[in-house]
PDB file of all heavy atoms in Angstrom:
ATOM      1  N   LEU A   1      81.941 109.200 111.011  1.00  0.00           N
ATOM      2  CA  LEU A   1      82.519 109.920 112.146  1.00  0.00           C
ATOM      3  C   LEU A   1      82.069 111.382 112.141  1.00  0.00           C
ATOM      4  O   LEU A   1      81.691 111.930 113.175  1.00  0.00           O
ATOM      5  CB  LEU A   1      84.045 109.817 112.098  1.00  0.00           C
ATOM      6  CG  LEU A   1      84.819 110.395 113.268  1.00  0.00           C
ATOM      7  CD1 LEU A   1      84.441 109.725 114.577  1.00  0.00           C
ATOM      8  CD2 LEU A   1      86.312 110.254 113.022  1.00  0.00           C
ATOM      9  N   GLY A   2      82.073 111.988 110.962  1.00  0.00           N
ATOM     10  CA  GLY A   2      81.633 113.377 110.836  1.00  0.00           C
ATOM     11  C   GLY A   2      80.187 113.566 111.246  1.00  0.00           C
ATOM     12  O   GLY A   2      79.844 114.530 111.930  1.00  0.00           O
ATOM     13  N   TYR A   3      79.328 112.639 110.845  1.00  0.00           N
ATOM     14  CA  TYR A   3      77.914 112.733 111.233  1.00  0.00           C
ATOM     15  C   TYR A   3      77.751 112.550 112.742  1.00  0.00           C
ATOM     16  O   TYR A   3      76.987 113.256 113.374  1.00  0.00           O
ATOM     17  CB  TYR A   3      77.066 111.701 110.486  1.00  0.00           C
ATOM     18  CG  TYR A   3      76.874 112.027 109.021  1.00  0.00           C
ATOM     19  CD1 TYR A   3      77.265 111.135 108.029  1.00  0.00           C
ATOM     20  CD2 TYR A   3      76.298 113.235 108.623  1.00  0.00           C
ATOM     21  CE1 TYR A   3      77.096 111.439 106.697  1.00  0.00           C
ATOM     22  CE2 TYR A   3      76.124 113.545 107.287  1.00  0.00           C
ATOM     23  CZ  TYR A   3      76.531 112.640 106.321  1.00  0.00           C
ATOM     24  OH  TYR A   3      76.360 112.945 104.994  1.00  0.00           O
ATOM     25  N   ASP A   4      78.483 111.582 113.320  1.00  0.00           N
ATOM     26  CA  ASP A   4      78.375 111.323 114.756  1.00  0.00           C
ATOM     27  C   ASP A   4      78.900 112.487 115.599  1.00  0.00           C
ATOM     28  O   ASP A   4      78.442 112.693 116.716  1.00  0.00           O
ATOM     29  CB  ASP A   4      79.126 110.045 115.135  1.00  0.00           C
ATOM     30  CG  ASP A   4      78.398 108.791 114.693  1.00  0.00           C
ATOM     31  OD1 ASP A   4      77.201 108.881 114.329  1.00  0.00           O
ATOM     32  OD2 ASP A   4      79.020 107.711 114.704  1.00  0.00           O
ATOM     33  N   LEU A   5      79.870 113.230 115.073  1.00  0.00           N
ATOM     34  CA  LEU A   5      80.484 114.320 115.831  1.00  0.00           C
ATOM     35  C   LEU A   5      80.011 115.709 115.418  1.00  0.00           C
ATOM     36  O   LEU A   5      80.547 116.702 115.899  1.00  0.00           O
ATOM     37  CB  LEU A   5      82.010 114.263 115.702  1.00  0.00           C
ATOM     38  CG  LEU A   5      82.707 113.139 116.438  1.00  0.00           C
ATOM     39  CD1 LEU A   5      84.192 113.154 116.153  1.00  0.00           C
ATOM     40  CD2 LEU A   5      82.448 113.231 117.932  1.00  0.00           C
ATOM     41  N   SER A   6      79.028 115.791 114.560  1.00  0.00           N
ATOM     42  CA  SER A   6      78.623 117.094 114.021  1.00  0.00           C
ATOM     43  C   SER A   6      78.257 118.105 115.099  1.00  0.00           C
ATOM     44  O   SER A   6      78.471 119.297 114.926  1.00  0.00           O
ATOM     45  CB  SER A   6      77.463 116.931 113.040  1.00  0.00           C
ATOM     46  OG  SER A   6      76.330 116.406 113.705  1.00  0.00           O
ATOM     47  N   ASP A   7      77.747 117.631 116.233  1.00  0.00           N
ATOM     48  CA  ASP A   7      77.369 118.545 117.312  1.00  0.00           C
ATOM     49  C   ASP A   7      78.495 118.788 118.312  1.00  0.00           C
ATOM     50  O   ASP A   7      78.382 119.643 119.182  1.00  0.00           O
ATOM     51  CB  ASP A   7      76.157 117.986 118.065  1.00  0.00           C
ATOM     52  CG  ASP A   7      76.463 116.673 118.765  1.00  0.00           C
ATOM     53  OD1 ASP A   7      77.337 115.916 118.273  1.00  0.00           O
ATOM     54  OD2 ASP A   7      75.839 116.390 119.801  1.00  0.00           O
ATOM     55  N   MET A   8      79.602 118.044 118.184  1.00  0.00           N
ATOM     56  CA  MET A   8      80.622 118.060 119.217  1.00  0.00           C
ATOM     57  C   MET A   8      82.005 118.460 118.720  1.00  0.00           C
ATOM     58  O   MET A   8      82.832 118.888 119.517  1.00  0.00           O
ATOM     59  CB  MET A   8      80.716 116.637 119.745  1.00  0.00           C
ATOM     60  CG  MET A   8      80.749 116.326 121.164  1.00  0.00           C
ATOM     61  SD  MET A   8      79.972 117.409 122.301  1.00  0.00           S
ATOM     62  CE  MET A   8      80.973 116.966 123.675  1.00  0.00           C
ATOM     63  N   GLY A   9      82.280 118.271 117.460  1.00  0.00           N
ATOM     64  CA  GLY A   9      83.631 118.539 116.989  1.00  0.00           C
ATOM     65  C   GLY A   9      83.728 118.556 115.479  1.00  0.00           C
ATOM     66  O   GLY A   9      82.731 118.426 114.774  1.00  0.00           O
ATOM     67  N   SER A  10      84.961 118.697 115.018  1.00  0.00           N
ATOM     68  CA  SER A  10      85.238 118.765 113.579  1.00  0.00           C
ATOM     69  C   SER A  10      86.093 117.577 113.168  1.00  0.00           C
ATOM     70  O   SER A  10      86.826 117.014 113.980  1.00  0.00           O
ATOM     71  CB  SER A  10      85.992 120.058 113.254  1.00  0.00           C
ATOM     72  OG  SER A  10      85.244 121.177 113.653  1.00  0.00           O
ATOM     73  N   VAL A  11      86.006 117.232 111.886  1.00  0.00           N
ATOM     74  CA  VAL A  11      86.762 116.099 111.350  1.00  0.00           C
ATOM     75  C   VAL A  11      87.570 116.559 110.150  1.00  0.00           C
ATOM     76  O   VAL A  11      87.046 117.214 109.247  1.00  0.00           O
ATOM     77  CB  VAL A  11      85.817 114.946 110.933  1.00  0.00           C
ATOM     78  CG1 VAL A  11      86.580 113.826 110.253  1.00  0.00           C
ATOM     79  CG2 VAL A  11      85.043 114.426 112.136  1.00  0.00           C
ATOM     80  N   ILE A  12      88.862 116.209 110.172  1.00  0.00           N
ATOM     81  CA  ILE A  12      89.743 116.405 109.016  1.00  0.00           C
ATOM     82  C   ILE A  12      90.066 115.022 108.492  1.00  0.00           C
ATOM     83  O   ILE A  12      90.693 114.214 109.187  1.00  0.00           O
ATOM     84  CB  ILE A  12      91.055 117.124 109.406  1.00  0.00           C
ATOM     85  CG1 ILE A  12      90.783 118.492 110.021  1.00  0.00           C
ATOM     86  CG2 ILE A  12      91.968 117.236 108.185  1.00  0.00           C
ATOM     87  CD1 ILE A  12      92.024 119.171 110.584  1.00  0.00           C
ATOM     88  N   ALA A  13      89.618 114.722 107.278  1.00  0.00           N
ATOM     89  CA  ALA A  13      89.902 113.431 106.657  1.00  0.00           C
ATOM     90  C   ALA A  13      91.119 113.573 105.752  1.00  0.00           C
ATOM     91  O   ALA A  13      91.160 114.456 104.894  1.00  0.00           O
ATOM     92  CB  ALA A  13      88.699 112.950 105.856  1.00  0.00           C
ATOM     93  N   VAL A  14      92.099 112.702 105.953  1.00  0.00           N
ATOM     94  CA  VAL A  14      93.318 112.696 105.155  1.00  0.00           C
ATOM     95  C   VAL A  14      93.338 111.390 104.363  1.00  0.00           C
ATOM     96  O   VAL A  14      93.358 110.306 104.957  1.00  0.00           O
ATOM     97  CB  VAL A  14      94.574 112.786 106.061  1.00  0.00           C
ATOM     98  CG1 VAL A  14      95.836 112.738 105.215  1.00  0.00           C
ATOM     99  CG2 VAL A  14      94.534 114.038 106.919  1.00  0.00           C
ATOM    100  N   ALA A  15      93.309 111.496 103.030  1.00  0.00           N
ATOM    101  CA  ALA A  15      93.259 110.283 102.206  1.00  0.00           C
ATOM    102  C   ALA A  15      93.604 110.616 100.763  1.00  0.00           C
ATOM    103  O   ALA A  15      93.753 111.794 100.402  1.00  0.00           O
ATOM    104  CB  ALA A  15      91.865 109.653 102.274  1.00  0.00           C
ATOM    105  N   GLN A  16      93.682 109.583  99.962  1.00  0.00           N
ATOM    106  CA  GLN A  16      93.897 109.772  98.529  1.00  0.00           C
ATOM    107  C   GLN A  16      92.689 110.504  97.952  1.00  0.00           C
ATOM    108  O   GLN A  16      91.562 110.310  98.413  1.00  0.00           O
ATOM    109  CB  GLN A  16      94.059 108.425  97.836  1.00  0.00           C
ATOM    110  CG  GLN A  16      95.268 107.648  98.285  1.00  0.00           C
ATOM    111  CD  GLN A  16      95.285 106.247  97.694  1.00  0.00           C
ATOM    112  OE1 GLN A  16      94.369 105.837  96.981  1.00  0.00           O
ATOM    113  NE2 GLN A  16      96.330 105.518  98.004  1.00  0.00           N
ATOM    114  N   PRO A  17      92.917 111.330  96.930  1.00  0.00           N
ATOM    115  CA  PRO A  17      91.799 112.097  96.346  1.00  0.00           C
ATOM    116  C   PRO A  17      90.612 111.230  95.943  1.00  0.00           C
ATOM    117  O   PRO A  17      89.461 111.622  96.150  1.00  0.00           O
ATOM    118  CB  PRO A  17      92.435 112.777  95.135  1.00  0.00           C
ATOM    119  CG  PRO A  17      93.886 112.895  95.490  1.00  0.00           C
ATOM    120  CD  PRO A  17      94.200 111.669  96.309  1.00  0.00           C
ATOM    121  N   SER A  18      90.861 110.049  95.403  1.00  0.00           N
ATOM    122  CA  SER A  18      89.756 109.183  94.984  1.00  0.00           C
ATOM    123  C   SER A  18      88.904 108.736  96.172  1.00  0.00           C
ATOM    124  O   SER A  18      87.688 108.582  96.048  1.00  0.00           O
ATOM    125  CB  SER A  18      90.284 107.955  94.241  1.00  0.00           C
ATOM    126  OG  SER A  18      91.152 107.204  95.075  1.00  0.00           O
ATOM    127  N   MET A  19      89.532 108.550  97.336  1.00  0.00           N
ATOM    128  CA  MET A  19      88.780 108.169  98.536  1.00  0.00           C
ATOM    129  C   MET A  19      88.000 109.363  99.084  1.00  0.00           C
ATOM    130  O   MET A  19      86.870 109.209  99.550  1.00  0.00           O
ATOM    131  CB  MET A  19      89.729 107.619  99.617  1.00  0.00           C
ATOM    132  CG  MET A  19      90.485 106.372  99.205  1.00  0.00           C
ATOM    133  SD  MET A  19      89.416 105.022  98.701  1.00  0.00           S
ATOM    134  CE  MET A  19      88.766 104.506 100.246  1.00  0.00           C
ATOM    135  N   LEU A  20      88.609 110.543  99.024  1.00  0.00           N
ATOM    136  CA  LEU A  20      87.931 111.740  99.543  1.00  0.00           C
ATOM    137  C   LEU A  20      86.677 112.059  98.742  1.00  0.00           C
ATOM    138  O   LEU A  20      85.730 112.630  99.274  1.00  0.00           O
ATOM    139  CB  LEU A  20      88.887 112.934  99.556  1.00  0.00           C
ATOM    140  CG  LEU A  20      90.042 112.849 100.555  1.00  0.00           C
ATOM    141  CD1 LEU A  20      90.965 114.048 100.397  1.00  0.00           C
ATOM    142  CD2 LEU A  20      89.540 112.740 101.982  1.00  0.00           C
ATOM    143  N   GLU A  21      86.677 111.688  97.455  1.00  0.00           N
ATOM    144  CA  GLU A  21      85.483 111.914  96.628  1.00  0.00           C
ATOM    145  C   GLU A  21      84.285 111.121  97.135  1.00  0.00           C
ATOM    146  O   GLU A  21      83.136 111.481  96.885  1.00  0.00           O
ATOM    147  CB  GLU A  21      85.778 111.549  95.167  1.00  0.00           C
ATOM    148  CG  GLU A  21      86.705 112.529  94.488  1.00  0.00           C
ATOM    149  CD  GLU A  21      87.063 112.103  93.073  1.00  0.00           C
ATOM    150  OE1 GLU A  21      86.391 111.211  92.509  1.00  0.00           O
ATOM    151  OE2 GLU A  21      88.020 112.675  92.529  1.00  0.00           O
ATOM    152  N   LEU A  22      84.555 110.041  97.866  1.00  0.00           N
ATOM    153  CA  LEU A  22      83.469 109.220  98.415  1.00  0.00           C
ATOM    154  C   LEU A  22      82.804 109.873  99.630  1.00  0.00           C
ATOM    155  O   LEU A  22      81.713 109.471 100.018  1.00  0.00           O
ATOM    156  CB  LEU A  22      84.003 107.838  98.804  1.00  0.00           C
ATOM    157  CG  LEU A  22      84.595 107.003  97.672  1.00  0.00           C
ATOM    158  CD1 LEU A  22      85.220 105.733  98.226  1.00  0.00           C
ATOM    159  CD2 LEU A  22      83.540 106.687  96.627  1.00  0.00           C
ATOM    160  N   CYS A  23      83.456 110.858 100.217  1.00  0.00           N
ATOM    161  CA  CYS A  23      82.886 111.554 101.385  1.00  0.00           C
ATOM    162  C   CYS A  23      81.714 112.417 100.936  1.00  0.00           C
ATOM    163  O   CYS A  23      81.865 113.300 100.106  1.00  0.00           O
ATOM    164  CB  CYS A  23      83.936 112.446 102.049  1.00  0.00           C
ATOM    165  SG  CYS A  23      85.197 111.555 102.935  1.00  0.00           S
ATOM    166  N   GLU A  24      80.562 112.145 101.494  1.00  0.00           N
ATOM    167  CA  GLU A  24      79.364 112.912 101.161  1.00  0.00           C
ATOM    168  C   GLU A  24      79.065 113.993 102.185  1.00  0.00           C
ATOM    169  O   GLU A  24      78.329 114.926 101.914  1.00  0.00           O
ATOM    170  CB  GLU A  24      78.167 111.963 101.052  1.00  0.00           C
ATOM    171  CG  GLU A  24      78.320 110.948  99.941  1.00  0.00           C
ATOM    172  CD  GLU A  24      77.211 109.914  99.941  1.00  0.00           C
ATOM    173  OE1 GLU A  24      76.362 109.922 100.867  1.00  0.00           O
ATOM    174  OE2 GLU A  24      77.182 109.099  99.010  1.00  0.00           O
ATOM    175  N   ASN A  25      79.648 113.872 103.375  1.00  0.00           N
ATOM    176  CA  ASN A  25      79.400 114.816 104.456  1.00  0.00           C
ATOM    177  C   ASN A  25      80.138 116.117 104.165  1.00  0.00           C
ATOM    178  O   ASN A  25      81.360 116.161 104.139  1.00  0.00           O
ATOM    179  CB  ASN A  25      79.876 114.215 105.787  1.00  0.00           C
ATOM    180  CG  ASN A  25      79.547 115.069 106.973  1.00  0.00           C
ATOM    181  OD1 ASN A  25      79.341 116.274 106.864  1.00  0.00           O
ATOM    182  ND2 ASN A  25      79.493 114.446 108.134  1.00  0.00           N
ATOM    183  N   GLU A  26      79.378 117.181 103.948  1.00  0.00           N
ATOM    184  CA  GLU A  26      79.979 118.469 103.603  1.00  0.00           C
ATOM    185  C   GLU A  26      80.648 119.146 104.796  1.00  0.00           C
ATOM    186  O   GLU A  26      81.389 120.101 104.635  1.00  0.00           O
ATOM    187  CB  GLU A  26      78.925 119.388 102.992  1.00  0.00           C
ATOM    188  CG  GLU A  26      78.438 118.875 101.650  1.00  0.00           C
ATOM    189  CD  GLU A  26      77.379 119.769 101.037  1.00  0.00           C
ATOM    190  OE1 GLU A  26      77.172 120.895 101.524  1.00  0.00           O
ATOM    191  OE2 GLU A  26      76.752 119.324 100.059  1.00  0.00           O
ATOM    192  N   GLY A  27      80.411 118.632 106.005  1.00  0.00           N
ATOM    193  CA  GLY A  27      81.024 119.194 107.200  1.00  0.00           C
ATOM    194  C   GLY A  27      82.436 118.700 107.456  1.00  0.00           C
ATOM    195  O   GLY A  27      83.113 119.180 108.355  1.00  0.00           O
ATOM    196  N   ILE A  28      82.879 117.740 106.673  1.00  0.00           N
ATOM    197  CA  ILE A  28      84.229 117.183 106.837  1.00  0.00           C
ATOM    198  C   ILE A  28      85.216 118.007 106.022  1.00  0.00           C
ATOM    199  O   ILE A  28      84.946 118.373 104.879  1.00  0.00           O
ATOM    200  CB  ILE A  28      84.278 115.717 106.360  1.00  0.00           C
ATOM    201  CG1 ILE A  28      83.434 114.842 107.279  1.00  0.00           C
ATOM    202  CG2 ILE A  28      85.705 115.206 106.321  1.00  0.00           C
ATOM    203  CD1 ILE A  28      83.387 113.400 106.837  1.00  0.00           C
ATOM    204  N   TYR A  29      86.369 118.286 106.625  1.00  0.00           N
ATOM    205  CA  TYR A  29      87.447 118.971 105.915  1.00  0.00           C
ATOM    206  C   TYR A  29      88.337 117.910 105.314  1.00  0.00           C
ATOM    207  O   TYR A  29      88.766 116.983 106.000  1.00  0.00           O
ATOM    208  CB  TYR A  29      88.211 119.888 106.873  1.00  0.00           C
ATOM    209  CG  TYR A  29      87.315 120.983 107.376  1.00  0.00           C
ATOM    210  CD1 TYR A  29      86.470 120.763 108.457  1.00  0.00           C
ATOM    211  CD2 TYR A  29      87.272 122.207 106.735  1.00  0.00           C
ATOM    212  CE1 TYR A  29      85.609 121.760 108.898  1.00  0.00           C
ATOM    213  CE2 TYR A  29      86.415 123.210 107.173  1.00  0.00           C
ATOM    214  CZ  TYR A  29      85.591 122.969 108.247  1.00  0.00           C
ATOM    215  OH  TYR A  29      84.741 123.952 108.670  1.00  0.00           O
ATOM    216  N   LYS A  30      88.590 118.018 104.021  1.00  0.00           N
ATOM    217  CA  LYS A  30      89.301 116.971 103.298  1.00  0.00           C
ATOM    218  C   LYS A  30      90.673 117.454 102.869  1.00  0.00           C
ATOM    219  O   LYS A  30      90.798 118.516 102.252  1.00  0.00           O
ATOM    220  CB  LYS A  30      88.490 116.556 102.069  1.00  0.00           C
ATOM    221  CG  LYS A  30      87.101 116.088 102.405  1.00  0.00           C
ATOM    222  CD  LYS A  30      86.254 115.945 101.162  1.00  0.00           C
ATOM    223  CE  LYS A  30      84.805 115.827 101.554  1.00  0.00           C
ATOM    224  NZ  LYS A  30      83.894 116.094 100.488  1.00  0.00           N
ATOM    225  N   LEU A  31      91.696 116.656 103.194  1.00  0.00           N
ATOM    226  CA  LEU A  31      93.068 116.943 102.785  1.00  0.00           C
ATOM    227  C   LEU A  31      93.587 115.741 102.012  1.00  0.00           C
ATOM    228  O   LEU A  31      93.626 114.624 102.530  1.00  0.00           O
ATOM    229  CB  LEU A  31      93.963 117.217 103.994  1.00  0.00           C
ATOM    230  CG  LEU A  31      93.594 118.429 104.853  1.00  0.00           C
ATOM    231  CD1 LEU A  31      94.549 118.545 106.031  1.00  0.00           C
ATOM    232  CD2 LEU A  31      93.619 119.709 104.034  1.00  0.00           C
ATOM    233  N   ALA A  32      93.988 116.000 100.778  1.00  0.00           N
ATOM    234  CA  ALA A  32      94.449 114.925  99.905  1.00  0.00           C
ATOM    235  C   ALA A  32      95.914 114.587 100.176  1.00  0.00           C
ATOM    236  O   ALA A  32      96.715 115.448 100.546  1.00  0.00           O
ATOM    237  CB  ALA A  32      94.263 115.326  98.444  1.00  0.00           C
ATOM    238  N   THR A  33      96.226 113.301  99.980  1.00  0.00           N
ATOM    239  CA  THR A  33      97.620 112.873 100.042  1.00  0.00           C
ATOM    240  C   THR A  33      98.204 112.955  98.638  1.00  0.00           C
ATOM    241  O   THR A  33      97.463 112.803  97.664  1.00  0.00           O
ATOM    242  CB  THR A  33      97.728 111.429 100.576  1.00  0.00           C
ATOM    243  OG1 THR A  33      96.926 110.564  99.774  1.00  0.00           O
ATOM    244  CG2 THR A  33      97.289 111.347 102.015  1.00  0.00           C
ATOM    245  N   PRO A  34      99.480 113.238  98.499  1.00  0.00           N
ATOM    246  CA  PRO A  34     100.448 113.429  99.574  1.00  0.00           C
ATOM    247  C   PRO A  34     100.144 114.705 100.349  1.00  0.00           C
ATOM    248  O   PRO A  34      99.852 115.756  99.775  1.00  0.00           O
ATOM    249  CB  PRO A  34     101.796 113.511  98.870  1.00  0.00           C
ATOM    250  CG  PRO A  34     101.474 113.896  97.459  1.00  0.00           C
ATOM    251  CD  PRO A  34     100.104 113.383  97.172  1.00  0.00           C
ATOM    252  N   LEU A  35     100.202 114.564 101.663  1.00  0.00           N
ATOM    253  CA  LEU A  35      99.801 115.628 102.570  1.00  0.00           C
ATOM    254  C   LEU A  35     100.862 116.716 102.669  1.00  0.00           C
ATOM    255  O   LEU A  35     102.045 116.433 102.817  1.00  0.00           O
ATOM    256  CB  LEU A  35      99.564 115.023 103.966  1.00  0.00           C
ATOM    257  CG  LEU A  35      99.052 115.944 105.052  1.00  0.00           C
ATOM    258  CD1 LEU A  35      97.678 116.498 104.682  1.00  0.00           C
ATOM    259  CD2 LEU A  35      98.966 115.188 106.365  1.00  0.00           C
ATOM    260  N   LYS A  36     100.408 117.951 102.560  1.00  0.00           N
ATOM    261  CA  LYS A  36     101.294 119.095 102.755  1.00  0.00           C
ATOM    262  C   LYS A  36     101.178 119.513 104.219  1.00  0.00           C
ATOM    263  O   LYS A  36     100.084 119.810 104.698  1.00  0.00           O
ATOM    264  CB  LYS A  36     100.905 120.240 101.834  1.00  0.00           C
ATOM    265  CG  LYS A  36     101.084 119.922 100.365  1.00  0.00           C
ATOM    266  CD  LYS A  36     100.629 121.092  99.511  1.00  0.00           C
ATOM    267  CE  LYS A  36     100.808 120.791  98.055  1.00  0.00           C
ATOM    268  NZ  LYS A  36      99.675 120.053  97.484  1.00  0.00           N
ATOM    269  N   LYS A  37     102.310 119.526 104.918  1.00  0.00           N
ATOM    270  CA  LYS A  37     102.322 119.814 106.349  1.00  0.00           C
ATOM    271  C   LYS A  37     101.666 121.157 106.669  1.00  0.00           C
ATOM    272  O   LYS A  37     100.839 121.254 107.571  1.00  0.00           O
ATOM    273  CB  LYS A  37     103.763 119.781 106.872  1.00  0.00           C
ATOM    274  CG  LYS A  37     103.873 120.033 108.351  1.00  0.00           C
ATOM    275  CD  LYS A  37     105.276 119.804 108.880  1.00  0.00           C
ATOM    276  CE  LYS A  37     106.176 120.922 108.489  1.00  0.00           C
ATOM    277  NZ  LYS A  37     107.483 120.872 109.166  1.00  0.00           N
ATOM    278  N   ASN A  38     102.010 122.192 105.896  1.00  0.00           N
ATOM    279  CA  ASN A  38     101.459 123.523 106.197  1.00  0.00           C
ATOM    280  C   ASN A  38      99.946 123.557 105.983  1.00  0.00           C
ATOM    281  O   ASN A  38      99.225 124.269 106.679  1.00  0.00           O
ATOM    282  CB  ASN A  38     102.160 124.623 105.396  1.00  0.00           C
ATOM    283  CG  ASN A  38     101.983 124.468 103.903  1.00  0.00           C
ATOM    284  OD1 ASN A  38     101.665 123.392 103.409  1.00  0.00           O
ATOM    285  ND2 ASN A  38     102.211 125.548 103.182  1.00  0.00           N
ATOM    286  N   GLU A  39      99.445 122.787 105.037  1.00  0.00           N
ATOM    287  CA  GLU A  39      97.997 122.721 104.801  1.00  0.00           C
ATOM    288  C   GLU A  39      97.291 122.057 105.995  1.00  0.00           C
ATOM    289  O   GLU A  39      96.243 122.521 106.452  1.00  0.00           O
ATOM    290  CB  GLU A  39      97.726 121.941 103.517  1.00  0.00           C
ATOM    291  CG  GLU A  39      96.319 122.045 103.007  1.00  0.00           C
ATOM    292  CD  GLU A  39      96.140 121.337 101.671  1.00  0.00           C
ATOM    293  OE1 GLU A  39      97.059 120.664 101.177  1.00  0.00           O
ATOM    294  OE2 GLU A  39      95.030 121.463 101.125  1.00  0.00           O
ATOM    295  N   LEU A  40      97.892 120.990 106.519  1.00  0.00           N
ATOM    296  CA  LEU A  40      97.341 120.316 107.692  1.00  0.00           C
ATOM    297  C   LEU A  40      97.331 121.255 108.900  1.00  0.00           C
ATOM    298  O   LEU A  40      96.313 121.400 109.579  1.00  0.00           O
ATOM    299  CB  LEU A  40      98.152 119.056 108.027  1.00  0.00           C
ATOM    300  CG  LEU A  40      97.805 118.352 109.348  1.00  0.00           C
ATOM    301  CD1 LEU A  40      96.371 117.851 109.341  1.00  0.00           C
ATOM    302  CD2 LEU A  40      98.779 117.222 109.617  1.00  0.00           C
ATOM    303  N   ILE A  41      98.440 121.927 109.135  1.00  0.00           N
ATOM    304  CA  ILE A  41      98.556 122.802 110.302  1.00  0.00           C
ATOM    305  C   ILE A  41      97.596 123.982 110.198  1.00  0.00           C
ATOM    306  O   ILE A  41      96.937 124.351 111.175  1.00  0.00           O
ATOM    307  CB  ILE A  41     100.016 123.280 110.490  1.00  0.00           C
ATOM    308  CG1 ILE A  41     100.931 122.077 110.758  1.00  0.00           C
ATOM    309  CG2 ILE A  41     100.132 124.309 111.594  1.00  0.00           C
ATOM    310  CD1 ILE A  41     100.527 121.215 111.945  1.00  0.00           C
TER     311      ILE A  41
END
């Protein structure tokens, strides 16, 4: 999704830390669960 939208928008991925480690796209913003509301906002 991040690669497809790189020219059009931004991506915030919310997942367990182990899953976020699989993200190779450096343009994606990663937020680990348990999610902190203020961090998301």
